[in-house]
Amino acid sequence: MKAFALLPGLLLKARTSPFYLWLLNLLLGRLVPFNRPHGFAIEHIEADRIVTRAQNRRINHNHIRGIHACAIATLAEFSSGLVLLSRLDPTRYRLIMARIEIDYLFQARQEILATTILDDTQLQQQVLEPLKNADAVSFTQETLVEDRQGHSVAKAHITWQVKLWTKVNTQPA
């Protein structure tokens, strides 16, 4: 949990520093060990936008040597979760993916990029304001996945449950 406390500062510094972007990607490989072998990484960060990438490597392939649907889905989840973590303090808020819906549009045979945008109005109206009156909020966000040539590979809608850590109950009901 301590490492997650470093995320807001690293995400901010990584917007302008290649060194901090490298360091952030290194840390994320340790925080999310499932993603490490797949080579998922942050490509670019802005205040309201994150672009992540997955390489066209054998571990990410399906049986016809394109990028596997599950790798595409996981990259979309990674991008969506990171943009939320860049705006919400992970020591105050717990995020859990509740649902993912994906439309696959084009077979990916090269490196892919997932882009997620979260503007201030959307965050305020759909997450922070509702959390003032509820223990948890469901928030659905769109992530677009494209290949390096700009072909739309997939469109994902990821629903997150956002909850203050003080409201989390880990005991069975």
Protein backbone atom coordinates (compact mmCIF):
# COMPACT_ATOMS: atom_id res chain seq x y z
CA MET A 1 0.00 0.00 0.00
CA LYS A 2 2.93 2.34 0.69
CA ALA A 3 4.03 2.21 -2.95
CA PHE A 4 0.56 3.36 -4.08
CA ALA A 5 1.06 6.50 -1.96
CA LEU A 6 3.95 7.42 -4.30
CA LEU A 7 1.74 7.33 -7.40
CA PRO A 8 0.24 10.85 -7.32
CA GLY A 9 3.66 12.51 -7.10
CA LEU A 10 5.24 10.25 -9.70
CA LEU A 11 2.32 10.68 -12.10
CA LEU A 12 2.66 14.45 -11.79
CA LYS A 13 6.43 14.46 -12.32
CA ALA A 14 6.18 11.96 -15.20
CA ARG A 15 4.17 14.50 -17.22
CA THR A 16 7.32 16.52 -17.89
CA SER A 17 10.23 14.23 -17.10
CA PRO A 18 11.34 11.20 -19.15
CA PHE A 19 13.27 9.97 -16.09
CA TYR A 20 10.17 10.02 -13.86
CA LEU A 21 8.11 8.38 -16.60
CA TRP A 22 10.69 5.57 -16.74
CA LEU A 23 10.67 5.33 -12.92
CA LEU A 24 6.86 5.27 -12.85
CA ASN A 25 6.75 2.47 -15.42
CA LEU A 26 9.31 0.53 -13.39
CA LEU A 27 7.23 0.96 -10.21
CA LEU A 28 4.00 -0.01 -12.00
CA GLY A 29 5.65 -3.24 -13.15
CA ARG A 30 6.13 -4.10 -9.50
CA LEU A 31 2.75 -2.85 -8.27
CA VAL A 32 0.82 -4.68 -11.00
CA PRO A 33 2.89 -7.85 -11.50
CA PHE A 34 0.29 -9.40 -13.84
CA ASN A 35 1.05 -6.70 -16.44
CA ARG A 36 4.86 -6.88 -16.25
CA PRO A 37 5.47 -9.78 -18.69
CA HIS A 38 3.13 -8.18 -21.21
CA GLY A 39 5.23 -5.02 -21.46
CA PHE A 40 2.40 -2.62 -20.66
CA ALA A 41 3.69 0.89 -20.02
CA ILE A 42 2.65 4.50 -19.92
CA GLU A 43 3.48 6.27 -23.16
CA HIS A 44 2.27 9.79 -22.31
CA ILE A 45 0.59 11.64 -19.43
CA GLU A 46 -1.31 14.92 -19.34
CA ALA A 47 -3.48 16.42 -16.61
CA ASP A 48 -6.65 14.79 -17.94
CA ARG A 49 -5.34 12.15 -20.36
CA ILE A 50 -3.18 9.01 -20.23
CA VAL A 51 -1.90 6.94 -23.14
CA THR A 52 -0.59 3.45 -22.42
CA ARG A 53 0.98 0.93 -24.78
CA ALA A 54 1.33 -2.79 -25.31
CA GLN A 55 4.02 -4.15 -27.56
CA ASN A 56 3.41 -6.63 -30.33
CA ARG A 57 5.31 -9.45 -28.68
CA ARG A 58 4.73 -13.18 -28.59
CA ILE A 59 3.29 -13.28 -25.06
CA ASN A 60 0.54 -10.89 -26.22
CA HIS A 61 -0.36 -12.92 -29.33
CA ASN A 62 -3.44 -15.00 -30.04
CA HIS A 63 -3.47 -18.13 -32.19
CA ILE A 64 -3.35 -16.11 -35.45
CA ARG A 65 -0.42 -13.92 -34.29
CA GLY A 66 -2.43 -10.79 -33.68
CA ILE A 67 -2.64 -9.13 -30.27
CA HIS A 68 -4.94 -11.20 -28.07
CA ALA A 69 -8.34 -9.78 -27.09
CA CYS A 70 -7.49 -10.21 -23.40
CA ALA A 71 -4.28 -8.19 -23.81
CA ILE A 72 -6.31 -5.42 -25.45
CA ALA A 73 -8.87 -5.52 -22.62
CA THR A 74 -6.18 -5.47 -19.93
CA LEU A 75 -4.43 -2.52 -21.56
CA ALA A 76 -7.73 -0.61 -21.66
CA GLU A 77 -8.30 -1.38 -17.96
CA PHE A 78 -4.73 -0.30 -17.14
CA SER A 79 -5.17 3.04 -18.94
CA SER A 80 -8.55 3.72 -17.37
CA GLY A 81 -7.39 2.86 -13.87
CA LEU A 82 -4.28 4.99 -14.18
CA VAL A 83 -6.16 8.08 -15.27
CA LEU A 84 -8.40 7.69 -12.21
CA LEU A 85 -5.40 7.14 -9.93
CA SER A 86 -3.78 10.25 -11.40
CA ARG A 87 -6.79 12.28 -10.21
CA LEU A 88 -7.79 10.46 -6.99
CA ASP A 89 -5.43 9.89 -4.07
CA PRO A 90 -4.99 6.09 -3.84
CA THR A 91 -4.43 6.37 -0.09
CA ARG A 92 -7.98 7.85 0.25
CA TYR A 93 -9.91 6.05 -2.51
CA ARG A 94 -10.15 2.39 -3.41
CA LEU A 95 -10.82 1.50 -7.04
CA ILE A 96 -12.13 -1.88 -8.16
CA MET A 97 -13.11 -2.70 -11.68
CA ALA A 98 -16.73 -3.84 -11.63
CA ARG A 99 -17.37 -4.37 -15.33
CA ILE A 100 -15.74 -4.10 -18.71
CA GLU A 101 -17.43 -4.02 -22.13
CA ILE A 102 -15.38 -4.03 -25.30
CA ASP A 103 -16.16 -3.70 -28.96
CA TYR A 104 -13.32 -5.13 -31.04
CA LEU A 105 -13.06 -3.24 -34.29
CA PHE A 106 -9.81 -4.21 -36.04
CA GLN A 107 -7.21 -6.94 -35.66
CA ALA A 108 -4.09 -5.56 -34.00
CA ARG A 109 -0.85 -6.76 -35.56
CA GLN A 110 1.43 -4.03 -34.24
CA GLU A 111 1.99 -2.10 -31.01
CA ILE A 112 -1.25 -0.70 -29.60
CA LEU A 113 -2.05 2.46 -27.65
CA ALA A 114 -4.93 2.91 -25.20
CA THR A 115 -6.12 6.46 -24.53
CA THR A 116 -8.32 7.47 -21.61
CA ILE A 117 -9.51 11.01 -20.90
CA LEU A 118 -11.01 12.24 -17.62
CA ASP A 119 -11.90 15.92 -17.43
CA ASP A 120 -12.51 17.91 -14.23
CA THR A 121 -16.27 18.24 -14.78
CA GLN A 122 -16.72 14.51 -15.29
CA LEU A 123 -14.67 13.68 -12.18
CA GLN A 124 -16.55 16.21 -10.05
CA GLN A 125 -20.07 15.36 -11.23
CA GLN A 126 -19.79 11.60 -11.58
CA VAL A 127 -17.38 10.65 -8.79
CA LEU A 128 -16.59 13.25 -6.12
CA GLU A 129 -20.04 14.85 -5.68
CA PRO A 130 -21.92 11.51 -5.51
CA LEU A 131 -19.39 10.19 -2.97
CA LYS A 132 -20.47 12.92 -0.55
CA ASN A 133 -23.82 11.12 -0.16
CA ALA A 134 -22.95 7.49 -0.88
CA ASP A 135 -20.52 4.87 0.39
CA ALA A 136 -19.56 3.87 -3.15
CA VAL A 137 -19.98 5.19 -6.68
CA SER A 138 -20.00 3.31 -9.97
CA PHE A 139 -18.26 5.28 -12.67
CA THR A 140 -18.03 4.20 -16.32
CA GLN A 141 -15.26 5.50 -18.50
CA GLU A 142 -14.41 5.04 -22.18
CA THR A 143 -10.98 4.00 -23.41
CA LEU A 144 -10.03 3.92 -27.08
CA VAL A 145 -7.41 1.47 -28.33
CA GLU A 146 -5.59 2.12 -31.62
CA ASP A 147 -2.58 0.68 -33.37
CA ARG A 148 0.44 2.82 -34.29
CA GLN A 149 -1.04 3.51 -37.73
CA GLY A 150 -4.18 4.99 -36.15
CA HIS A 151 -6.59 2.12 -36.85
CA SER A 152 -9.27 1.86 -34.17
CA VAL A 153 -8.68 -1.56 -32.62
CA ALA A 154 -11.22 -1.47 -29.79
CA LYS A 155 -13.51 0.73 -27.75
CA ALA A 156 -13.82 -0.23 -24.09
CA HIS A 157 -16.20 0.92 -21.38
CA ILE A 158 -14.79 0.21 -17.94
CA THR A 159 -16.97 0.59 -14.85
CA TRP A 160 -15.15 1.26 -11.61
CA GLN A 161 -16.45 1.11 -8.09
CA VAL A 162 -14.90 4.07 -6.26
CA LYS A 163 -15.05 4.09 -2.49
CA LEU A 164 -13.30 5.89 0.34
CA TRP A 165 -10.99 3.49 2.17
CA THR A 166 -12.75 4.49 5.40
CA LYS A 167 -15.97 2.97 3.97
CA VAL A 168 -14.37 -0.34 2.92
CA ASN A 169 -15.58 -3.35 4.87
CA THR A 170 -13.57 -6.51 4.24
CA GLN A 171 -15.70 -8.66 6.56
CA PRO A 172 -18.48 -10.85 5.09
CA ALA A 173 -22.00 -9.50 5.58
